[in-house]
Amino acid sequence: MITVDTVCRLIEKKLGSKAAAVTLDADTVFDSVGLSSLQIADIVYTIEDDAGIELDSADAANVKTVGDLVELVTAARAARAGA
């Protein structure tokens, strides 16, 4: 299961030593913590691999916060389970 904590840990890995300077939670906006679009894409791909799903690229591009990403993954997993 992909949770807010899971996504926050991935962000911390990408930020490295800069992670200590930011507070990460469901309301964290990806752009506000200094992640590049490539780093955000890498986080999305990692989550897709971990969850065994493929997110719609247009939906993934519209994700702005940690919570948005968790909701998108949850919806994708529910849709896959219902299919």
PDB file of N, CA and C in Angstrom:
ATOM      1  N   MET A   1       0.841  -1.187   0.000  1.00  0.00           N
ATOM      2  CA  MET A   1       0.000   0.000   0.000  1.00  0.00           C
ATOM      3  C   MET A   1       0.881   1.245   0.000  1.00  0.00           C
ATOM      4  N   ILE A   2       0.545   2.179  -0.834  1.00  0.00           N
ATOM      5  CA  ILE A   2       1.283   3.435  -0.917  1.00  0.00           C
ATOM      6  C   ILE A   2       0.600   4.436   0.008  1.00  0.00           C
ATOM      7  N   THR A   3       1.367   4.951   0.949  1.00  0.00           N
ATOM      8  CA  THR A   3       0.837   5.902   1.929  1.00  0.00           C
ATOM      9  C   THR A   3       1.565   7.236   1.803  1.00  0.00           C
ATOM     10  N   VAL A   4       1.085   8.200   2.539  1.00  0.00           N
ATOM     11  CA  VAL A   4       1.762   9.503   2.591  1.00  0.00           C
ATOM     12  C   VAL A   4       3.196   9.307   3.078  1.00  0.00           C
ATOM     13  N   ASP A   5       3.387   8.452   4.086  1.00  0.00           N
ATOM     14  CA  ASP A   5       4.736   8.205   4.602  1.00  0.00           C
ATOM     15  C   ASP A   5       5.649   7.619   3.532  1.00  0.00           C
ATOM     16  N   THR A   6       5.104   6.716   2.704  1.00  0.00           N
ATOM     17  CA  THR A   6       5.883   6.115   1.622  1.00  0.00           C
ATOM     18  C   THR A   6       6.384   7.194   0.669  1.00  0.00           C
ATOM     19  N   VAL A   7       5.488   8.074   0.259  1.00  0.00           N
ATOM     20  CA  VAL A   7       5.844   9.140  -0.678  1.00  0.00           C
ATOM     21  C   VAL A   7       6.838  10.103  -0.026  1.00  0.00           C
ATOM     22  N   CYS A   8       6.621  10.424   1.240  1.00  0.00           N
ATOM     23  CA  CYS A   8       7.535  11.333   1.942  1.00  0.00           C
ATOM     24  C   CYS A   8       8.944  10.746   2.032  1.00  0.00           C
ATOM     25  N   ARG A   9       9.045   9.441   2.256  1.00  0.00           N
ATOM     26  CA  ARG A   9      10.367   8.804   2.300  1.00  0.00           C
ATOM     27  C   ARG A   9      11.064   8.888   0.939  1.00  0.00           C
ATOM     28  N   LEU A  10      10.302   8.714  -0.140  1.00  0.00           N
ATOM     29  CA  LEU A  10      10.881   8.836  -1.477  1.00  0.00           C
ATOM     30  C   LEU A  10      11.365  10.264  -1.739  1.00  0.00           C
ATOM     31  N   ILE A  11      10.590  11.228  -1.288  1.00  0.00           N
ATOM     32  CA  ILE A  11      10.998  12.634  -1.440  1.00  0.00           C
ATOM     33  C   ILE A  11      12.278  12.895  -0.642  1.00  0.00           C
ATOM     34  N   GLU A  12      12.330  12.384   0.578  1.00  0.00           N
ATOM     35  CA  GLU A  12      13.519  12.569   1.410  1.00  0.00           C
ATOM     36  C   GLU A  12      14.766  12.011   0.724  1.00  0.00           C
ATOM     37  N   LYS A  13      14.616  10.858   0.086  1.00  0.00           N
ATOM     38  CA  LYS A  13      15.751  10.271  -0.645  1.00  0.00           C
ATOM     39  C   LYS A  13      16.211  11.189  -1.767  1.00  0.00           C
ATOM     40  N   LYS A  14      15.258  11.754  -2.487  1.00  0.00           N
ATOM     41  CA  LYS A  14      15.595  12.643  -3.608  1.00  0.00           C
ATOM     42  C   LYS A  14      16.236  13.940  -3.114  1.00  0.00           C
ATOM     43  N   LEU A  15      15.769  14.438  -1.984  1.00  0.00           N
ATOM     44  CA  LEU A  15      16.288  15.707  -1.464  1.00  0.00           C
ATOM     45  C   LEU A  15      17.636  15.557  -0.774  1.00  0.00           C
ATOM     46  N   GLY A  16      17.924  14.369  -0.293  1.00  0.00           N
ATOM     47  CA  GLY A  16      19.187  14.150   0.409  1.00  0.00           C
ATOM     48  C   GLY A  16      19.282  15.005   1.649  1.00  0.00           C
ATOM     49  N   SER A  17      20.389  15.719   1.780  1.00  0.00           N
ATOM     50  CA  SER A  17      20.623  16.523   2.980  1.00  0.00           C
ATOM     51  C   SER A  17      19.646  17.693   3.109  1.00  0.00           C
ATOM     52  N   LYS A  18      19.023  18.101   2.020  1.00  0.00           N
ATOM     53  CA  LYS A  18      18.056  19.201   2.061  1.00  0.00           C
ATOM     54  C   LYS A  18      16.753  18.798   2.749  1.00  0.00           C
ATOM     55  N   ALA A  19      16.517  17.501   2.903  1.00  0.00           N
ATOM     56  CA  ALA A  19      15.257  17.011   3.482  1.00  0.00           C
ATOM     57  C   ALA A  19      15.041  17.505   4.899  1.00  0.00           C
ATOM     58  N   ALA A  20      16.112  17.708   5.638  1.00  0.00           N
ATOM     59  CA  ALA A  20      15.986  18.155   7.026  1.00  0.00           C
ATOM     60  C   ALA A  20      15.377  19.552   7.127  1.00  0.00           C
ATOM     61  N   ALA A  21      15.458  20.319   6.050  1.00  0.00           N
ATOM     62  CA  ALA A  21      14.981  21.696   6.074  1.00  0.00           C
ATOM     63  C   ALA A  21      13.506  21.837   5.722  1.00  0.00           C
ATOM     64  N   VAL A  22      12.848  20.730   5.365  1.00  0.00           N
ATOM     65  CA  VAL A  22      11.443  20.815   4.966  1.00  0.00           C
ATOM     66  C   VAL A  22      10.575  19.883   5.812  1.00  0.00           C
ATOM     67  N   THR A  23       9.320  20.272   5.943  1.00  0.00           N
ATOM     68  CA  THR A  23       8.340  19.429   6.617  1.00  0.00           C
ATOM     69  C   THR A  23       7.504  18.761   5.534  1.00  0.00           C
ATOM     70  N   LEU A  24       7.454  17.443   5.584  1.00  0.00           N
ATOM     71  CA  LEU A  24       6.721  16.695   4.568  1.00  0.00           C
ATOM     72  C   LEU A  24       5.472  16.079   5.166  1.00  0.00           C
ATOM     73  N   ASP A  25       4.331  16.291   4.491  1.00  0.00           N
ATOM     74  CA  ASP A  25       3.070  15.679   4.883  1.00  0.00           C
ATOM     75  C   ASP A  25       2.172  15.622   3.655  1.00  0.00           C
ATOM     76  N   ALA A  26       0.913  15.273   3.836  1.00  0.00           N
ATOM     77  CA  ALA A  26      -0.009  15.112   2.710  1.00  0.00           C
ATOM     78  C   ALA A  26      -0.215  16.405   1.928  1.00  0.00           C
ATOM     79  N   ASP A  27      -0.051  17.542   2.588  1.00  0.00           N
ATOM     80  CA  ASP A  27      -0.276  18.835   1.940  1.00  0.00           C
ATOM     81  C   ASP A  27       0.969  19.403   1.265  1.00  0.00           C
ATOM     82  N   THR A  28       2.087  18.695   1.341  1.00  0.00           N
ATOM     83  CA  THR A  28       3.326  19.180   0.750  1.00  0.00           C
ATOM     84  C   THR A  28       3.182  19.266  -0.767  1.00  0.00           C
ATOM     85  N   VAL A  29       3.471  20.443  -1.295  1.00  0.00           N
ATOM     86  CA  VAL A  29       3.455  20.661  -2.744  1.00  0.00           C
ATOM     87  C   VAL A  29       4.846  20.305  -3.269  1.00  0.00           C
ATOM     88  N   PHE A  30       4.879  19.418  -4.279  1.00  0.00           N
ATOM     89  CA  PHE A  30       6.161  18.946  -4.793  1.00  0.00           C
ATOM     90  C   PHE A  30       7.090  20.091  -5.187  1.00  0.00           C
ATOM     91  N   ASP A  31       6.565  21.087  -5.885  1.00  0.00           N
ATOM     92  CA  ASP A  31       7.397  22.208  -6.327  1.00  0.00           C
ATOM     93  C   ASP A  31       7.975  23.006  -5.162  1.00  0.00           C
ATOM     94  N   SER A  32       7.272  23.017  -4.030  1.00  0.00           N
ATOM     95  CA  SER A  32       7.703  23.844  -2.904  1.00  0.00           C
ATOM     96  C   SER A  32       8.933  23.295  -2.191  1.00  0.00           C
ATOM     97  N   VAL A  33       9.251  22.024  -2.391  1.00  0.00           N
ATOM     98  CA  VAL A  33      10.399  21.439  -1.697  1.00  0.00           C
ATOM     99  C   VAL A  33      11.636  21.378  -2.598  1.00  0.00           C
ATOM    100  N   GLY A  34      11.525  21.913  -3.809  1.00  0.00           N
ATOM    101  CA  GLY A  34      12.690  21.997  -4.677  1.00  0.00           C
ATOM    102  C   GLY A  34      12.944  20.780  -5.539  1.00  0.00           C
ATOM    103  N   LEU A  35      11.924  19.953  -5.759  1.00  0.00           N
ATOM    104  CA  LEU A  35      12.095  18.804  -6.639  1.00  0.00           C
ATOM    105  C   LEU A  35      11.974  19.235  -8.098  1.00  0.00           C
ATOM    106  N   SER A  36      12.830  18.698  -8.926  1.00  0.00           N
ATOM    107  CA  SER A  36      12.727  18.962 -10.357  1.00  0.00           C
ATOM    108  C   SER A  36      11.636  18.073 -10.941  1.00  0.00           C
ATOM    109  N   SER A  37      11.196  18.381 -12.148  1.00  0.00           N
ATOM    110  CA  SER A  37      10.173  17.553 -12.784  1.00  0.00           C
ATOM    111  C   SER A  37      10.692  16.140 -13.010  1.00  0.00           C
ATOM    112  N   LEU A  38      11.980  15.997 -13.269  1.00  0.00           N
ATOM    113  CA  LEU A  38      12.568  14.673 -13.441  1.00  0.00           C
ATOM    114  C   LEU A  38      12.530  13.881 -12.135  1.00  0.00           C
ATOM    115  N   GLN A  39      12.809  14.531 -11.016  1.00  0.00           N
ATOM    116  CA  GLN A  39      12.757  13.864  -9.717  1.00  0.00           C
ATOM    117  C   GLN A  39      11.328  13.447  -9.377  1.00  0.00           C
ATOM    118  N   ILE A  40      10.365  14.304  -9.691  1.00  0.00           N
ATOM    119  CA  ILE A  40       8.964  13.971  -9.443  1.00  0.00           C
ATOM    120  C   ILE A  40       8.558  12.774 -10.300  1.00  0.00           C
ATOM    121  N   ALA A  41       8.952  12.789 -11.563  1.00  0.00           N
ATOM    122  CA  ALA A  41       8.641  11.668 -12.457  1.00  0.00           C
ATOM    123  C   ALA A  41       9.261  10.380 -11.932  1.00  0.00           C
ATOM    124  N   ASP A  42      10.475  10.456 -11.426  1.00  0.00           N
ATOM    125  CA  ASP A  42      11.138   9.270 -10.882  1.00  0.00           C
ATOM    126  C   ASP A  42      10.375   8.723  -9.671  1.00  0.00           C
ATOM    127  N   ILE A  43       9.869   9.609  -8.839  1.00  0.00           N
ATOM    128  CA  ILE A  43       9.062   9.177  -7.688  1.00  0.00           C
ATOM    129  C   ILE A  43       7.796   8.475  -8.181  1.00  0.00           C
ATOM    130  N   VAL A  44       7.134   9.052  -9.187  1.00  0.00           N
ATOM    131  CA  VAL A  44       5.919   8.440  -9.732  1.00  0.00           C
ATOM    132  C   VAL A  44       6.234   7.062 -10.307  1.00  0.00           C
ATOM    133  N   TYR A  45       7.326   6.938 -11.060  1.00  0.00           N
ATOM    134  CA  TYR A  45       7.695   5.640 -11.647  1.00  0.00           C
ATOM    135  C   TYR A  45       8.013   4.616 -10.564  1.00  0.00           C
ATOM    136  N   THR A  46       8.686   5.048  -9.522  1.00  0.00           N
ATOM    137  CA  THR A  46       9.008   4.143  -8.411  1.00  0.00           C
ATOM    138  C   THR A  46       7.723   3.633  -7.758  1.00  0.00           C
ATOM    139  N   ILE A  47       6.777   4.524  -7.554  1.00  0.00           N
ATOM    140  CA  ILE A  47       5.504   4.135  -6.945  1.00  0.00           C
ATOM    141  C   ILE A  47       4.741   3.186  -7.857  1.00  0.00           C
ATOM    142  N   GLU A  48       4.756   3.468  -9.151  1.00  0.00           N
ATOM    143  CA  GLU A  48       4.086   2.563 -10.092  1.00  0.00           C
ATOM    144  C   GLU A  48       4.677   1.161  -9.994  1.00  0.00           C
ATOM    145  N   ASP A  49       5.999   1.080  -9.968  1.00  0.00           N
ATOM    146  CA  ASP A  49       6.664  -0.226  -9.851  1.00  0.00           C
ATOM    147  C   ASP A  49       6.318  -0.906  -8.535  1.00  0.00           C
ATOM    148  N   ASP A  50       6.394  -0.161  -7.442  1.00  0.00           N
ATOM    149  CA  ASP A  50       6.119  -0.730  -6.118  1.00  0.00           C
ATOM    150  C   ASP A  50       4.667  -1.205  -5.990  1.00  0.00           C
ATOM    151  N   ALA A  51       3.739  -0.447  -6.583  1.00  0.00           N
ATOM    152  CA  ALA A  51       2.324  -0.769  -6.463  1.00  0.00           C
ATOM    153  C   ALA A  51       1.846  -1.727  -7.555  1.00  0.00           C
ATOM    154  N   GLY A  52       2.674  -1.932  -8.565  1.00  0.00           N
ATOM    155  CA  GLY A  52       2.276  -2.812  -9.657  1.00  0.00           C
ATOM    156  C   GLY A  52       1.151  -2.245 -10.501  1.00  0.00           C
ATOM    157  N   ILE A  53       1.180  -0.917 -10.686  1.00  0.00           N
ATOM    158  CA  ILE A  53       0.144  -0.248 -11.466  1.00  0.00           C
ATOM    159  C   ILE A  53       0.792   0.677 -12.481  1.00  0.00           C
ATOM    160  N   GLU A  54      -0.027   1.161 -13.412  1.00  0.00           N
ATOM    161  CA  GLU A  54       0.428   2.190 -14.333  1.00  0.00           C
ATOM    162  C   GLU A  54      -0.564   3.342 -14.241  1.00  0.00           C
ATOM    163  N   LEU A  55      -0.054   4.501 -13.890  1.00  0.00           N
ATOM    164  CA  LEU A  55      -0.907   5.676 -13.752  1.00  0.00           C
ATOM    165  C   LEU A  55      -1.072   6.346 -15.099  1.00  0.00           C
ATOM    166  N   ASP A  56      -2.222   6.926 -15.324  1.00  0.00           N
ATOM    167  CA  ASP A  56      -2.449   7.712 -16.532  1.00  0.00           C
ATOM    168  C   ASP A  56      -1.490   8.896 -16.500  1.00  0.00           C
ATOM    169  N   SER A  57      -0.741   9.082 -17.573  1.00  0.00           N
ATOM    170  CA  SER A  57       0.290  10.133 -17.567  1.00  0.00           C
ATOM    171  C   SER A  57      -0.307  11.524 -17.413  1.00  0.00           C
ATOM    172  N   ALA A  58      -1.490  11.769 -17.973  1.00  0.00           N
ATOM    173  CA  ALA A  58      -2.126  13.084 -17.821  1.00  0.00           C
ATOM    174  C   ALA A  58      -2.531  13.322 -16.369  1.00  0.00           C
ATOM    175  N   ASP A  59      -3.068  12.288 -15.731  1.00  0.00           N
ATOM    176  CA  ASP A  59      -3.446  12.416 -14.322  1.00  0.00           C
ATOM    177  C   ASP A  59      -2.203  12.626 -13.451  1.00  0.00           C
ATOM    178  N   ALA A  60      -1.149  11.868 -13.739  1.00  0.00           N
ATOM    179  CA  ALA A  60       0.089  11.992 -12.953  1.00  0.00           C
ATOM    180  C   ALA A  60       0.705  13.374 -13.124  1.00  0.00           C
ATOM    181  N   ALA A  61       0.596  13.943 -14.310  1.00  0.00           N
ATOM    182  CA  ALA A  61       1.155  15.274 -14.560  1.00  0.00           C
ATOM    183  C   ALA A  61       0.427  16.356 -13.777  1.00  0.00           C
ATOM    184  N   ASN A  62      -0.824  16.094 -13.410  1.00  0.00           N
ATOM    185  CA  ASN A  62      -1.620  17.081 -12.671  1.00  0.00           C
ATOM    186  C   ASN A  62      -1.468  16.967 -11.160  1.00  0.00           C
ATOM    187  N   VAL A  63      -0.713  16.005 -10.696  1.00  0.00           N
ATOM    188  CA  VAL A  63      -0.501  15.820  -9.260  1.00  0.00           C
ATOM    189  C   VAL A  63       0.350  16.971  -8.728  1.00  0.00           C
ATOM    190  N   LYS A  64      -0.132  17.604  -7.691  1.00  0.00           N
ATOM    191  CA  LYS A  64       0.587  18.751  -7.121  1.00  0.00           C
ATOM    192  C   LYS A  64       1.123  18.485  -5.719  1.00  0.00           C
ATOM    193  N   THR A  65       0.401  17.660  -4.946  1.00  0.00           N
ATOM    194  CA  THR A  65       0.791  17.420  -3.560  1.00  0.00           C
ATOM    195  C   THR A  65       1.015  15.932  -3.306  1.00  0.00           C
ATOM    196  N   VAL A  66       1.630  15.652  -2.185  1.00  0.00           N
ATOM    197  CA  VAL A  66       1.827  14.264  -1.761  1.00  0.00           C
ATOM    198  C   VAL A  66       0.478  13.564  -1.649  1.00  0.00           C
ATOM    199  N   GLY A  67      -0.485  14.218  -1.042  1.00  0.00           N
ATOM    200  CA  GLY A  67      -1.815  13.649  -0.883  1.00  0.00           C
ATOM    201  C   GLY A  67      -2.489  13.357  -2.218  1.00  0.00           C
ATOM    202  N   ASP A  68      -2.306  14.263  -3.194  1.00  0.00           N
ATOM    203  CA  ASP A  68      -2.860  14.032  -4.529  1.00  0.00           C
ATOM    204  C   ASP A  68      -2.307  12.750  -5.137  1.00  0.00           C
ATOM    205  N   LEU A  69      -1.015  12.530  -4.982  1.00  0.00           N
ATOM    206  CA  LEU A  69      -0.380  11.337  -5.544  1.00  0.00           C
ATOM    207  C   LEU A  69      -0.898  10.079  -4.862  1.00  0.00           C
ATOM    208  N   VAL A  70      -1.035  10.115  -3.538  1.00  0.00           N
ATOM    209  CA  VAL A  70      -1.552   8.956  -2.816  1.00  0.00           C
ATOM    210  C   VAL A  70      -2.981   8.660  -3.262  1.00  0.00           C
ATOM    211  N   GLU A  71      -3.802   9.690  -3.419  1.00  0.00           N
ATOM    212  CA  GLU A  71      -5.183   9.500  -3.874  1.00  0.00           C
ATOM    213  C   GLU A  71      -5.224   8.913  -5.282  1.00  0.00           C
ATOM    214  N   LEU A  72      -4.354   9.380  -6.168  1.00  0.00           N
ATOM    215  CA  LEU A  72      -4.301   8.873  -7.537  1.00  0.00           C
ATOM    216  C   LEU A  72      -3.928   7.394  -7.554  1.00  0.00           C
ATOM    217  N   VAL A  73      -2.948   7.031  -6.754  1.00  0.00           N
ATOM    218  CA  VAL A  73      -2.523   5.623  -6.673  1.00  0.00           C
ATOM    219  C   VAL A  73      -3.650   4.767  -6.101  1.00  0.00           C
ATOM    220  N   THR A  74      -4.304   5.256  -5.060  1.00  0.00           N
ATOM    221  CA  THR A  74      -5.408   4.516  -4.449  1.00  0.00           C
ATOM    222  C   THR A  74      -6.538   4.302  -5.451  1.00  0.00           C
ATOM    223  N   ALA A  75      -6.867   5.334  -6.213  1.00  0.00           N
ATOM    224  CA  ALA A  75      -7.925   5.223  -7.222  1.00  0.00           C
ATOM    225  C   ALA A  75      -7.520   4.254  -8.332  1.00  0.00           C
ATOM    226  N   ALA A  76      -6.262   4.297  -8.749  1.00  0.00           N
ATOM    227  CA  ALA A  76      -5.792   3.399  -9.802  1.00  0.00           C
ATOM    228  C   ALA A  76      -5.826   1.950  -9.337  1.00  0.00           C
ATOM    229  N   ARG A  77      -5.442   1.715  -8.099  1.00  0.00           N
ATOM    230  CA  ARG A  77      -5.474   0.341  -7.557  1.00  0.00           C
ATOM    231  C   ARG A  77      -6.912  -0.146  -7.423  1.00  0.00           C
ATOM    232  N   ALA A  78      -7.819   0.734  -7.013  1.00  0.00           N
ATOM    233  CA  ALA A  78      -9.231   0.354  -6.885  1.00  0.00           C
ATOM    234  C   ALA A  78      -9.810   0.030  -8.250  1.00  0.00           C
ATOM    235  N   ALA A  79      -9.460   0.838  -9.261  1.00  0.00           N
ATOM    236  CA  ALA A  79      -9.957   0.595 -10.619  1.00  0.00           C
ATOM    237  C   ALA A  79      -9.434  -0.734 -11.150  1.00  0.00           C
ATOM    238  N   ARG A  80      -8.169  -1.019 -10.858  1.00  0.00           N
ATOM    239  CA  ARG A  80      -7.569  -2.282 -11.314  1.00  0.00           C
ATOM    240  C   ARG A  80      -8.237  -3.464 -10.625  1.00  0.00           C
ATOM    241  N   ALA A  81      -8.529  -3.320  -9.348  1.00  0.00           N
ATOM    242  CA  ALA A  81      -9.160  -4.403  -8.586  1.00  0.00           C
ATOM    243  C   ALA A  81     -10.590  -4.641  -9.064  1.00  0.00           C
ATOM    244  N   GLY A  82     -11.254  -3.576  -9.504  1.00  0.00           N
ATOM    245  CA  GLY A  82     -12.627  -3.693  -9.972  1.00  0.00           C
ATOM    246  C   GLY A  82     -12.742  -4.177 -11.410  1.00  0.00           C
ATOM    247  N   ALA A  83     -11.619  -4.162 -12.118  1.00  0.00           N
ATOM    248  CA  ALA A  83     -11.655  -4.550 -13.540  1.00  0.00           C
ATOM    249  C   ALA A  83     -11.698  -6.044 -13.719  1.00  0.00           C
TER     250      ALA A  83
END
